[in-house]
Amino acid sequence: MDYTSKNEDIAVVAGTVNSDLGARRNAKGYSEEDLAIATGLTISEIVAAEKGFASVDQVERIERVLR
């Protein structure tokens, strides 16, 4: 299976890795805007990731900041 397309990346990640991103962001004291600035993503992308819809790259960027 080829995981290079963005749609497939979203399908692989949705509902698995992202389930606790919002809780972890809050535990670190970050607002959605703070996390967007720290990751270079948009607020809409942060919200989508927290709902389980993000590319692997987006999740990796968020994970780096939340470590």
N, C-alpha and C. Protein backbone atom coordinates (compact mmCIF):
# COMPACT_ATOMS: atom_id res chain seq x y z
N MET A 1 0.85 -1.19 0.00
CA MET A 1 0.00 0.00 0.00
C MET A 1 0.89 1.23 0.00
N ASP A 2 0.59 2.19 -0.83
CA ASP A 2 1.35 3.41 -0.96
C ASP A 2 0.79 4.48 -0.01
N TYR A 3 1.61 4.98 0.89
CA TYR A 3 1.16 5.98 1.85
C TYR A 3 1.65 7.38 1.50
N THR A 4 1.89 7.63 0.24
CA THR A 4 2.43 8.92 -0.14
C THR A 4 1.38 9.99 -0.37
N SER A 5 0.15 9.61 -0.66
CA SER A 5 -0.86 10.64 -0.90
C SER A 5 -1.39 11.18 0.41
N LYS A 6 -1.75 12.43 0.41
CA LYS A 6 -2.23 13.08 1.63
C LYS A 6 -3.50 12.41 2.15
N ASN A 7 -4.40 12.02 1.27
CA ASN A 7 -5.63 11.37 1.70
C ASN A 7 -5.36 10.08 2.44
N GLU A 8 -4.41 9.29 1.97
CA GLU A 8 -4.07 8.06 2.66
C GLU A 8 -3.42 8.36 3.99
N ASP A 9 -2.57 9.39 4.06
CA ASP A 9 -1.96 9.76 5.33
C ASP A 9 -3.03 10.13 6.34
N ILE A 10 -4.03 10.86 5.90
CA ILE A 10 -5.12 11.25 6.80
C ILE A 10 -5.85 10.00 7.27
N ALA A 11 -6.13 9.09 6.37
CA ALA A 11 -6.86 7.88 6.73
C ALA A 11 -6.08 7.05 7.74
N VAL A 12 -4.77 7.00 7.61
CA VAL A 12 -3.95 6.22 8.53
C VAL A 12 -3.96 6.83 9.92
N VAL A 13 -3.95 8.13 10.01
CA VAL A 13 -3.80 8.81 11.29
C VAL A 13 -5.14 9.08 11.98
N ALA A 14 -6.18 9.32 11.22
CA ALA A 14 -7.46 9.73 11.79
C ALA A 14 -7.94 8.73 12.83
N GLY A 15 -8.26 9.27 14.01
CA GLY A 15 -8.85 8.46 15.05
C GLY A 15 -7.89 7.57 15.80
N THR A 16 -6.61 7.60 15.52
CA THR A 16 -5.68 6.75 16.25
C THR A 16 -4.74 7.59 17.09
N VAL A 17 -3.81 8.26 16.48
CA VAL A 17 -2.80 9.03 17.19
C VAL A 17 -3.37 10.30 17.80
N ASN A 18 -4.34 10.90 17.16
CA ASN A 18 -4.79 12.24 17.51
C ASN A 18 -5.73 12.32 18.69
N SER A 19 -6.18 11.23 19.23
CA SER A 19 -7.26 11.25 20.21
C SER A 19 -6.96 12.09 21.44
N ASP A 20 -5.70 12.23 21.83
CA ASP A 20 -5.40 12.99 23.04
C ASP A 20 -4.64 14.29 22.79
N LEU A 21 -4.55 14.74 21.56
CA LEU A 21 -3.78 15.95 21.28
C LEU A 21 -4.32 17.17 22.01
N GLY A 22 -5.63 17.33 22.02
CA GLY A 22 -6.22 18.49 22.71
C GLY A 22 -5.94 18.48 24.20
N ALA A 23 -6.05 17.33 24.81
CA ALA A 23 -5.77 17.20 26.25
C ALA A 23 -4.30 17.49 26.54
N ARG A 24 -3.43 16.98 25.69
CA ARG A 24 -1.99 17.22 25.89
C ARG A 24 -1.65 18.69 25.67
N ARG A 25 -2.30 19.32 24.69
CA ARG A 25 -2.07 20.75 24.45
C ARG A 25 -2.48 21.55 25.68
N ASN A 26 -3.66 21.23 26.20
CA ASN A 26 -4.14 21.93 27.40
C ASN A 26 -3.24 21.69 28.60
N ALA A 27 -2.75 20.48 28.76
CA ALA A 27 -1.87 20.15 29.89
C ALA A 27 -0.57 20.96 29.83
N LYS A 28 -0.13 21.27 28.63
CA LYS A 28 1.08 22.08 28.45
C LYS A 28 0.80 23.57 28.60
N GLY A 29 -0.48 23.94 28.67
CA GLY A 29 -0.85 25.34 28.81
C GLY A 29 -0.89 26.10 27.50
N TYR A 30 -0.93 25.38 26.37
CA TYR A 30 -0.98 26.02 25.06
C TYR A 30 -2.42 26.25 24.63
N SER A 31 -2.68 27.42 24.06
CA SER A 31 -3.95 27.63 23.37
C SER A 31 -3.79 27.06 21.96
N GLU A 32 -4.88 26.98 21.23
CA GLU A 32 -4.78 26.54 19.83
C GLU A 32 -3.87 27.49 19.05
N GLU A 33 -3.99 28.78 19.32
CA GLU A 33 -3.15 29.76 18.64
C GLU A 33 -1.67 29.57 19.00
N ASP A 34 -1.38 29.33 20.28
CA ASP A 34 0.01 29.10 20.69
C ASP A 34 0.61 27.90 19.95
N LEU A 35 -0.16 26.82 19.88
CA LEU A 35 0.33 25.62 19.21
C LEU A 35 0.49 25.85 17.71
N ALA A 36 -0.42 26.61 17.13
CA ALA A 36 -0.30 26.94 15.71
C ALA A 36 0.99 27.69 15.44
N ILE A 37 1.29 28.66 16.27
CA ILE A 37 2.51 29.44 16.10
C ILE A 37 3.74 28.55 16.28
N ALA A 38 3.72 27.71 17.30
CA ALA A 38 4.88 26.85 17.59
C ALA A 38 5.13 25.80 16.51
N THR A 39 4.08 25.36 15.84
CA THR A 39 4.22 24.31 14.83
C THR A 39 4.28 24.83 13.41
N GLY A 40 3.85 26.07 13.19
CA GLY A 40 3.77 26.60 11.84
C GLY A 40 2.51 26.17 11.11
N LEU A 41 1.58 25.55 11.84
CA LEU A 41 0.30 25.14 11.27
C LEU A 41 -0.72 26.24 11.50
N THR A 42 -1.86 26.15 10.86
CA THR A 42 -2.93 27.11 11.10
C THR A 42 -3.78 26.62 12.26
N ILE A 43 -4.57 27.51 12.83
CA ILE A 43 -5.49 27.12 13.90
C ILE A 43 -6.47 26.08 13.38
N SER A 44 -6.93 26.23 12.16
CA SER A 44 -7.85 25.25 11.57
C SER A 44 -7.21 23.87 11.49
N GLU A 45 -5.92 23.82 11.16
CA GLU A 45 -5.22 22.54 11.10
C GLU A 45 -5.08 21.93 12.50
N ILE A 46 -4.86 22.76 13.51
CA ILE A 46 -4.77 22.26 14.88
C ILE A 46 -6.10 21.68 15.31
N VAL A 47 -7.18 22.41 15.06
CA VAL A 47 -8.52 21.94 15.40
C VAL A 47 -8.82 20.63 14.70
N ALA A 48 -8.51 20.55 13.42
CA ALA A 48 -8.75 19.32 12.66
C ALA A 48 -7.94 18.16 13.23
N ALA A 49 -6.70 18.41 13.59
CA ALA A 49 -5.85 17.36 14.17
C ALA A 49 -6.43 16.85 15.47
N GLU A 50 -6.94 17.76 16.28
CA GLU A 50 -7.52 17.36 17.56
C GLU A 50 -8.81 16.57 17.39
N LYS A 51 -9.43 16.72 16.24
CA LYS A 51 -10.64 15.95 15.94
C LYS A 51 -10.31 14.64 15.23
N GLY A 52 -9.03 14.42 14.96
CA GLY A 52 -8.61 13.17 14.34
C GLY A 52 -8.40 13.23 12.85
N PHE A 53 -8.31 14.43 12.29
CA PHE A 53 -8.11 14.58 10.85
C PHE A 53 -6.88 15.41 10.59
N ALA A 54 -5.77 14.73 10.36
CA ALA A 54 -4.51 15.42 10.09
C ALA A 54 -3.61 14.50 9.30
N SER A 55 -2.69 15.11 8.59
CA SER A 55 -1.70 14.31 7.87
C SER A 55 -0.64 13.85 8.87
N VAL A 56 0.12 12.88 8.47
CA VAL A 56 1.21 12.39 9.32
C VAL A 56 2.17 13.52 9.63
N ASP A 57 2.49 14.35 8.64
CA ASP A 57 3.39 15.48 8.85
C ASP A 57 2.85 16.43 9.92
N GLN A 58 1.57 16.74 9.85
CA GLN A 58 0.98 17.65 10.83
C GLN A 58 1.06 17.07 12.24
N VAL A 59 0.75 15.81 12.38
CA VAL A 59 0.82 15.17 13.69
C VAL A 59 2.25 15.16 14.21
N GLU A 60 3.19 14.86 13.36
CA GLU A 60 4.60 14.86 13.77
C GLU A 60 5.02 16.25 14.26
N ARG A 61 4.59 17.29 13.56
CA ARG A 61 4.94 18.65 13.97
C ARG A 61 4.34 18.98 15.34
N ILE A 62 3.10 18.57 15.55
CA ILE A 62 2.46 18.80 16.85
C ILE A 62 3.15 17.99 17.94
N GLU A 63 3.44 16.74 17.65
CA GLU A 63 4.10 15.87 18.63
C GLU A 63 5.44 16.45 19.09
N ARG A 64 6.22 17.01 18.15
CA ARG A 64 7.51 17.60 18.51
C ARG A 64 7.34 18.70 19.54
N VAL A 65 6.32 19.51 19.38
CA VAL A 65 6.10 20.63 20.30
C VAL A 65 5.56 20.14 21.65
N LEU A 66 4.75 19.12 21.63
CA LEU A 66 4.12 18.65 22.88
C LEU A 66 5.00 17.72 23.71
N ARG A 67 6.15 17.37 23.22
CA ARG A 67 7.07 16.50 23.99
C ARG A 67 7.61 17.21 25.19
